[in-house]
Amino acid sequence: MVEIFHKESESELNEGSEMIHAAIHVIVENQIALKEKPVPETLEKLMRQGLDRHEAIHAIGAVLAEDMHAIIQGNNTAVHDPGKYRRRLKKLTAKRWRKGHW
């Protein structure tokens, strides 16, 4: 459903990245639904700061994707650190996201 939404909205995704993009959306949406702290709070904060819900999901997903990138690249020493993820989400703001500093 996420892939279909992005195709219909004509968002500009790199060829072949649709599945990864959709997976990150689903992970973040699941974290929100499960009330995994501080994901729902971060979503609300970003929306109060002016991002729409979809863009806020992207911002949170970008933080998650950075952790996942090393794992996907086959770096055997890389692991997802939930504590680091939470700390980075707490620092995330709409202003930082817009500047590309998440």
N, C-alpha and C. Protein backbone atom coordinates (compact mmCIF):
# COMPACT_ATOMS: atom_id res chain seq x y z
N MET A 1 0.81 -1.18 0.00
CA MET A 1 0.00 0.00 0.00
C MET A 1 0.87 1.26 0.00
N VAL A 2 1.97 1.21 0.74
CA VAL A 2 2.87 2.37 0.80
C VAL A 2 3.47 2.62 -0.58
N GLU A 3 3.90 1.54 -1.25
CA GLU A 3 4.47 1.69 -2.58
C GLU A 3 3.44 2.28 -3.54
N ILE A 4 2.23 1.81 -3.49
CA ILE A 4 1.17 2.32 -4.37
C ILE A 4 0.93 3.80 -4.10
N PHE A 5 0.86 4.18 -2.81
CA PHE A 5 0.66 5.58 -2.47
C PHE A 5 1.73 6.46 -3.09
N HIS A 6 3.00 6.06 -2.96
CA HIS A 6 4.08 6.88 -3.48
C HIS A 6 4.07 6.94 -5.01
N LYS A 7 3.71 5.84 -5.65
CA LYS A 7 3.62 5.86 -7.11
C LYS A 7 2.50 6.77 -7.57
N GLU A 8 1.36 6.71 -6.89
CA GLU A 8 0.23 7.55 -7.26
C GLU A 8 0.47 9.02 -6.95
N SER A 9 1.28 9.31 -5.94
CA SER A 9 1.56 10.70 -5.59
C SER A 9 2.71 11.26 -6.42
N GLU A 10 3.26 10.42 -7.29
CA GLU A 10 4.35 10.81 -8.18
C GLU A 10 5.55 11.34 -7.42
N SER A 11 5.81 10.74 -6.24
CA SER A 11 7.00 11.15 -5.50
C SER A 11 8.23 10.65 -6.24
N GLU A 12 9.29 11.38 -6.06
CA GLU A 12 10.52 11.07 -6.80
C GLU A 12 11.40 10.14 -5.99
N LEU A 13 11.28 8.85 -6.29
CA LEU A 13 12.13 7.85 -5.65
C LEU A 13 13.10 7.31 -6.69
N ASN A 14 14.29 6.98 -6.24
CA ASN A 14 15.25 6.37 -7.14
C ASN A 14 14.74 5.00 -7.57
N GLU A 15 14.97 4.67 -8.81
CA GLU A 15 14.55 3.38 -9.34
C GLU A 15 15.11 2.26 -8.47
N GLY A 16 14.26 1.35 -8.06
CA GLY A 16 14.68 0.23 -7.25
C GLY A 16 14.63 0.45 -5.75
N SER A 17 14.39 1.68 -5.32
CA SER A 17 14.38 1.96 -3.88
C SER A 17 12.98 1.93 -3.28
N GLU A 18 11.98 1.68 -4.12
CA GLU A 18 10.60 1.74 -3.64
C GLU A 18 10.34 0.76 -2.50
N MET A 19 10.86 -0.45 -2.60
CA MET A 19 10.60 -1.47 -1.59
C MET A 19 11.24 -1.08 -0.25
N ILE A 20 12.47 -0.61 -0.28
CA ILE A 20 13.14 -0.20 0.96
C ILE A 20 12.43 0.99 1.57
N HIS A 21 12.06 1.94 0.74
CA HIS A 21 11.34 3.13 1.20
C HIS A 21 10.03 2.71 1.89
N ALA A 22 9.29 1.83 1.26
CA ALA A 22 8.03 1.36 1.81
C ALA A 22 8.26 0.60 3.11
N ALA A 23 9.30 -0.21 3.17
CA ALA A 23 9.59 -0.98 4.39
C ALA A 23 9.88 -0.05 5.56
N ILE A 24 10.63 1.00 5.32
CA ILE A 24 10.93 1.95 6.39
C ILE A 24 9.66 2.65 6.85
N HIS A 25 8.79 3.02 5.91
CA HIS A 25 7.49 3.60 6.26
C HIS A 25 6.73 2.64 7.19
N VAL A 26 6.67 1.38 6.83
CA VAL A 26 5.91 0.40 7.61
C VAL A 26 6.52 0.22 9.00
N ILE A 27 7.83 0.18 9.08
CA ILE A 27 8.50 0.05 10.38
C ILE A 27 8.13 1.23 11.28
N VAL A 28 8.23 2.44 10.75
CA VAL A 28 7.92 3.63 11.55
C VAL A 28 6.44 3.63 11.94
N GLU A 29 5.56 3.30 11.00
CA GLU A 29 4.13 3.25 11.31
C GLU A 29 3.85 2.21 12.40
N ASN A 30 4.54 1.07 12.36
CA ASN A 30 4.37 0.05 13.39
C ASN A 30 4.87 0.55 14.74
N GLN A 31 6.00 1.26 14.75
CA GLN A 31 6.52 1.81 15.99
C GLN A 31 5.53 2.81 16.60
N ILE A 32 4.87 3.57 15.74
CA ILE A 32 3.86 4.51 16.23
C ILE A 32 2.67 3.75 16.80
N ALA A 33 2.18 2.77 16.06
CA ALA A 33 1.03 1.99 16.50
C ALA A 33 1.30 1.26 17.81
N LEU A 34 2.55 0.79 17.98
CA LEU A 34 2.92 0.07 19.20
C LEU A 34 3.34 1.01 20.33
N LYS A 35 3.31 2.32 20.04
CA LYS A 35 3.67 3.35 21.02
C LYS A 35 5.09 3.14 21.55
N GLU A 36 6.00 2.78 20.62
CA GLU A 36 7.40 2.57 20.98
C GLU A 36 8.06 3.93 21.19
N LYS A 37 8.35 4.23 22.44
CA LYS A 37 8.91 5.54 22.79
C LYS A 37 10.30 5.70 22.20
N PRO A 38 10.63 6.86 21.71
CA PRO A 38 9.87 8.10 21.63
C PRO A 38 9.28 8.37 20.25
N VAL A 39 8.99 7.31 19.49
CA VAL A 39 8.55 7.51 18.11
C VAL A 39 7.24 8.30 18.02
N PRO A 40 6.17 7.92 18.73
CA PRO A 40 4.94 8.71 18.61
C PRO A 40 5.12 10.16 19.08
N GLU A 41 5.91 10.34 20.14
CA GLU A 41 6.17 11.68 20.64
C GLU A 41 6.95 12.51 19.62
N THR A 42 7.88 11.86 18.95
CA THR A 42 8.67 12.55 17.93
C THR A 42 7.78 12.94 16.75
N LEU A 43 6.90 12.05 16.35
CA LEU A 43 5.95 12.36 15.27
C LEU A 43 5.13 13.60 15.64
N GLU A 44 4.56 13.61 16.84
CA GLU A 44 3.75 14.74 17.27
C GLU A 44 4.56 16.03 17.32
N LYS A 45 5.79 15.94 17.83
CA LYS A 45 6.65 17.12 17.92
C LYS A 45 6.93 17.69 16.53
N LEU A 46 7.29 16.82 15.59
CA LEU A 46 7.61 17.28 14.24
C LEU A 46 6.39 17.92 13.57
N MET A 47 5.22 17.36 13.83
CA MET A 47 4.00 17.93 13.25
C MET A 47 3.68 19.28 13.89
N ARG A 48 3.90 19.42 15.19
CA ARG A 48 3.71 20.73 15.83
C ARG A 48 4.67 21.76 15.26
N GLN A 49 5.84 21.30 14.83
CA GLN A 49 6.85 22.19 14.28
C GLN A 49 6.64 22.48 12.80
N GLY A 50 5.55 21.96 12.22
CA GLY A 50 5.19 22.34 10.87
C GLY A 50 5.30 21.28 9.79
N LEU A 51 5.81 20.10 10.11
CA LEU A 51 5.86 19.05 9.10
C LEU A 51 4.49 18.39 9.01
N ASP A 52 4.10 17.98 7.80
CA ASP A 52 2.89 17.18 7.72
C ASP A 52 3.24 15.76 8.17
N ARG A 53 2.24 14.94 8.37
CA ARG A 53 2.48 13.60 8.92
C ARG A 53 3.41 12.78 8.04
N HIS A 54 3.21 12.85 6.75
CA HIS A 54 4.03 12.07 5.82
C HIS A 54 5.50 12.49 5.89
N GLU A 55 5.74 13.78 5.92
CA GLU A 55 7.12 14.27 5.99
C GLU A 55 7.75 13.92 7.34
N ALA A 56 6.95 13.95 8.41
CA ALA A 56 7.46 13.56 9.73
C ALA A 56 7.85 12.07 9.74
N ILE A 57 7.05 11.25 9.07
CA ILE A 57 7.40 9.82 8.95
C ILE A 57 8.73 9.68 8.21
N HIS A 58 8.92 10.47 7.17
CA HIS A 58 10.18 10.44 6.43
C HIS A 58 11.35 10.84 7.32
N ALA A 59 11.17 11.86 8.14
CA ALA A 59 12.24 12.32 9.01
C ALA A 59 12.64 11.22 10.01
N ILE A 60 11.65 10.62 10.63
CA ILE A 60 11.91 9.53 11.58
C ILE A 60 12.55 8.35 10.84
N GLY A 61 12.03 8.05 9.67
CA GLY A 61 12.57 6.96 8.86
C GLY A 61 14.01 7.19 8.45
N ALA A 62 14.39 8.45 8.24
CA ALA A 62 15.77 8.76 7.86
C ALA A 62 16.73 8.40 8.99
N VAL A 63 16.31 8.65 10.22
CA VAL A 63 17.14 8.30 11.37
C VAL A 63 17.29 6.77 11.44
N LEU A 64 16.19 6.07 11.28
CA LEU A 64 16.23 4.61 11.29
C LEU A 64 17.08 4.08 10.13
N ALA A 65 16.92 4.67 8.96
CA ALA A 65 17.63 4.20 7.77
C ALA A 65 19.15 4.31 7.92
N GLU A 66 19.61 5.34 8.61
CA GLU A 66 21.06 5.47 8.81
C GLU A 66 21.60 4.28 9.59
N ASP A 67 20.87 3.85 10.61
CA ASP A 67 21.31 2.68 11.36
C ASP A 67 21.26 1.43 10.50
N MET A 68 20.22 1.31 9.71
CA MET A 68 20.03 0.13 8.87
C MET A 68 21.04 0.06 7.72
N HIS A 69 21.52 1.20 7.27
CA HIS A 69 22.39 1.25 6.09
C HIS A 69 23.64 0.39 6.27
N ALA A 70 24.31 0.53 7.40
CA ALA A 70 25.54 -0.25 7.62
C ALA A 70 25.24 -1.74 7.66
N ILE A 71 24.11 -2.10 8.24
CA ILE A 71 23.73 -3.51 8.31
C ILE A 71 23.46 -4.05 6.91
N ILE A 72 22.72 -3.29 6.12
CA ILE A 72 22.40 -3.69 4.74
C ILE A 72 23.65 -3.82 3.89
N GLN A 73 24.64 -2.96 4.16
CA GLN A 73 25.88 -2.98 3.39
C GLN A 73 26.77 -4.16 3.78
N GLY A 74 26.36 -4.92 4.79
CA GLY A 74 27.12 -6.12 5.14
C GLY A 74 28.19 -5.87 6.17
N ASN A 75 28.14 -4.74 6.88
CA ASN A 75 29.10 -4.47 7.93
C ASN A 75 28.76 -5.35 9.13
N ASN A 76 29.56 -6.37 9.35
CA ASN A 76 29.26 -7.35 10.41
C ASN A 76 29.31 -6.77 11.81
N THR A 77 29.97 -5.64 12.00
CA THR A 77 30.05 -5.05 13.33
C THR A 77 28.88 -4.11 13.60
N ALA A 78 28.07 -3.83 12.60
CA ALA A 78 26.96 -2.91 12.77
C ALA A 78 25.76 -3.61 13.40
N VAL A 79 25.20 -2.98 14.39
CA VAL A 79 23.97 -3.46 15.01
C VAL A 79 23.08 -2.27 15.29
N HIS A 80 21.78 -2.53 15.33
CA HIS A 80 20.86 -1.46 15.67
C HIS A 80 20.93 -1.23 17.18
N ASP A 81 21.21 -0.01 17.56
CA ASP A 81 21.32 0.36 18.97
C ASP A 81 20.06 1.14 19.35
N PRO A 82 19.10 0.49 20.02
CA PRO A 82 17.85 1.17 20.35
C PRO A 82 18.05 2.44 21.18
N GLY A 83 19.00 2.43 22.09
CA GLY A 83 19.25 3.62 22.90
C GLY A 83 19.73 4.79 22.06
N LYS A 84 20.63 4.52 21.14
CA LYS A 84 21.13 5.57 20.24
C LYS A 84 20.00 6.08 19.35
N TYR A 85 19.17 5.18 18.86
CA TYR A 85 18.03 5.55 18.02
C TYR A 85 17.11 6.49 18.79
N ARG A 86 16.79 6.15 20.04
CA ARG A 86 15.92 7.00 20.86
C ARG A 86 16.55 8.37 21.08
N ARG A 87 17.84 8.41 21.39
CA ARG A 87 18.52 9.69 21.62
C ARG A 87 18.49 10.55 20.37
N ARG A 88 18.72 9.94 19.22
CA ARG A 88 18.72 10.70 17.96
C ARG A 88 17.33 11.22 17.64
N LEU A 89 16.29 10.43 17.94
CA LEU A 89 14.92 10.90 17.70
C LEU A 89 14.59 12.08 18.61
N LYS A 90 15.04 12.04 19.84
CA LYS A 90 14.76 13.14 20.77
C LYS A 90 15.40 14.44 20.29
N LYS A 91 16.54 14.34 19.59
CA LYS A 91 17.23 15.53 19.06
C LYS A 91 16.64 16.01 17.74
N LEU A 92 15.88 15.16 17.08
CA LEU A 92 15.34 15.48 15.76
C LEU A 92 14.31 16.60 15.86
N THR A 93 14.47 17.61 15.02
CA THR A 93 13.50 18.70 14.93
C THR A 93 13.17 18.93 13.46
N ALA A 94 12.08 19.62 13.21
CA ALA A 94 11.71 19.96 11.84
C ALA A 94 12.79 20.82 11.20
N LYS A 95 13.34 21.73 11.97
CA LYS A 95 14.39 22.62 11.45
C LYS A 95 15.62 21.82 11.02
N ARG A 96 16.05 20.89 11.87
CA ARG A 96 17.20 20.04 11.53
C ARG A 96 16.90 19.19 10.30
N TRP A 97 15.68 18.63 10.23
CA TRP A 97 15.28 17.80 9.09
C TRP A 97 15.34 18.61 7.81
N ARG A 98 14.79 19.81 7.82
CA ARG A 98 14.78 20.66 6.62
C ARG A 98 16.19 21.03 6.17
N LYS A 99 17.11 21.12 7.12
CA LYS A 99 18.50 21.45 6.79
C LYS A 99 19.32 20.20 6.43
N GLY A 100 18.70 19.02 6.58
CA GLY A 100 19.40 17.78 6.28
C GLY A 100 20.34 17.32 7.37
N HIS A 101 20.08 17.77 8.61
CA HIS A 101 20.92 17.41 9.76
C HIS A 101 20.12 16.61 10.76
N TRP A 102 19.81 15.40 10.45
CA TRP A 102 19.07 14.59 11.41
C TRP A 102 20.02 13.67 12.08
